[in-house]
C-alpha atoms as a PDB file:
ATOM      1  CA  MET A   1      24.770   4.793  18.867  1.00  0.00           C
ATOM      2  CA  THR A   2      24.106   1.331  17.477  1.00  0.00           C
ATOM      3  CA  SER A   3      26.696  -0.884  15.850  1.00  0.00           C
ATOM      4  CA  ARG A   4      24.502  -1.551  12.800  1.00  0.00           C
ATOM      5  CA  GLY A   5      22.409   0.703  10.663  1.00  0.00           C
ATOM      6  CA  ILE A   6      19.041  -0.538   9.483  1.00  0.00           C
ATOM      7  CA  PRO A   7      17.653   0.844   6.215  1.00  0.00           C
ATOM      8  CA  PHE A   8      14.063   2.030   6.359  1.00  0.00           C
ATOM      9  CA  HIS A   9      13.425   2.100   2.612  1.00  0.00           C
ATOM     10  CA  CYS A  10      14.761   0.624  -0.621  1.00  0.00           C
ATOM     11  CA  PRO A  11      17.521   2.799  -2.163  1.00  0.00           C
ATOM     12  CA  TYR A  12      16.155   1.998  -5.656  1.00  0.00           C
ATOM     13  CA  CYS A  13      12.369   2.428  -5.458  1.00  0.00           C
ATOM     14  CA  GLY A  14      11.910   4.081  -2.040  1.00  0.00           C
ATOM     15  CA  GLU A  15       9.356   1.548  -0.790  1.00  0.00           C
ATOM     16  CA  GLU A  16       9.461   0.232   2.774  1.00  0.00           C
ATOM     17  CA  THR A  17       8.939  -3.436   1.835  1.00  0.00           C
ATOM     18  CA  ILE A  18      12.533  -4.526   2.501  1.00  0.00           C
ATOM     19  CA  ARG A  19      13.607  -7.559   4.467  1.00  0.00           C
ATOM     20  CA  PRO A  20      17.028  -8.941   5.452  1.00  0.00           C
ATOM     21  CA  THR A  21      18.200 -11.939   3.427  1.00  0.00           C
ATOM     22  CA  GLU A  22      20.176 -15.002   4.360  1.00  0.00           C
ATOM     23  CA  GLU A  23      22.950 -14.057   1.902  1.00  0.00           C
ATOM     24  CA  GLY A  24      25.068 -12.570   4.670  1.00  0.00           C
ATOM     25  CA  HIS A  25      25.539  -9.555   6.899  1.00  0.00           C
ATOM     26  CA  GLY A  26      24.093  -6.381   5.376  1.00  0.00           C
ATOM     27  CA  SER A  27      22.134  -8.114   2.597  1.00  0.00           C
ATOM     28  CA  TRP A  28      18.574  -6.935   1.968  1.00  0.00           C
ATOM     29  CA  GLU A  29      15.851  -7.562  -0.596  1.00  0.00           C
ATOM     30  CA  CYS A  30      12.966  -5.363  -1.677  1.00  0.00           C
ATOM     31  CA  HIS A  31       9.623  -7.069  -2.229  1.00  0.00           C
ATOM     32  CA  SER A  32       8.302  -4.153  -4.330  1.00  0.00           C
ATOM     33  CA  CYS A  33      10.968  -3.797  -7.029  1.00  0.00           C
ATOM     34  CA  LEU A  34      12.473  -7.285  -6.490  1.00  0.00           C
ATOM     35  CA  ARG A  35      16.025  -5.946  -6.141  1.00  0.00           C
ATOM     36  CA  ALA A  36      18.600  -7.314  -3.725  1.00  0.00           C
ATOM     37  CA  PHE A  37      21.308  -5.059  -2.302  1.00  0.00           C
ATOM     38  CA  THR A  38      24.063  -5.008   0.295  1.00  0.00           C
ATOM     39  CA  LEU A  39      24.884  -2.197   2.710  1.00  0.00           C
ATOM     40  CA  SER A  40      28.341  -1.782   4.196  1.00  0.00           C
ATOM     41  CA  MET A  41      30.356   0.903   5.902  1.00  0.00           C
ATOM     42  CA  THR A  42      33.475   1.980   4.026  1.00  0.00           C
ATOM     43  CA  GLY A  43      35.078   4.086   6.774  1.00  0.00           C
ATOM     44  CA  MET A  44      34.991   7.311   8.726  1.00  0.00           C
ATOM     45  CA  VAL A  45      35.143  10.739   7.093  1.00  0.00           C
ATOM     46  CA  THR A  46      37.496  13.371   8.438  1.00  0.00           C
ATOM     47  CA  HIS A  47      36.920  17.005   7.651  1.00  0.00           C
ATOM     48  CA  PRO A  48      39.807  19.432   7.217  1.00  0.00           C
ATOM     49  CA  GLN A  49      40.512  21.727  10.150  1.00  0.00           C
ATOM     50  CA  LEU A  50      38.877  25.107   9.835  1.00  0.00           C
ATOM     51  CA  SER A  51      41.273  28.014   9.607  1.00  0.00           C
ATOM     52  CA  PRO A  52      41.094  30.652  12.355  1.00  0.00           C
ATOM     53  CA  ASP A  53      38.801  33.590  11.761  1.00  0.00           C
ATOM     54  CA  PRO A  54      41.002  36.449  10.447  1.00  0.00           C
ATOM     55  CA  THR A  55      38.564  39.044  11.802  1.00  0.00           C
ATOM     56  CA  ALA A  56      38.765  37.735  15.365  1.00  0.00           C
ATOM     57  CA  THR A  57      40.579  39.994  17.802  1.00  0.00           C
ATOM     58  CA  THR A  58      42.988  38.839  20.486  1.00  0.00           C
ATOM     59  CA  SER A  59      42.811  40.036  24.084  1.00  0.00           C
ATOM     60  CA  ASP A  60      45.424  42.471  25.462  1.00  0.00           C
ATOM     61  CA  ALA A  61      47.053  39.689  27.510  1.00  0.00           C
ATOM     62  CA  GLU A  62      47.617  37.555  24.413  1.00  0.00           C
ATOM     63  CA  ALA A  63      48.933  40.506  22.392  1.00  0.00           C
ATOM     64  CA  ARG A  64      51.745  41.340  24.833  1.00  0.00           C
ATOM     65  CA  PRO A  65      55.166  39.830  24.089  1.00  0.00           C
END
């Protein structure tokens, strides 16, 4: 996994004519629609734990007290 993601197309017009700018880290400009934009990571997503399957059966060894 790389430390930086590189966009392959403009998020506004979808063209692939984007280039990094000198404005700073994560700044890009599109030469088709003439928009400038910045990409940044906001954080990691955590998903809630899945509940156990209520239809799953336990083995005889686990069922004994």
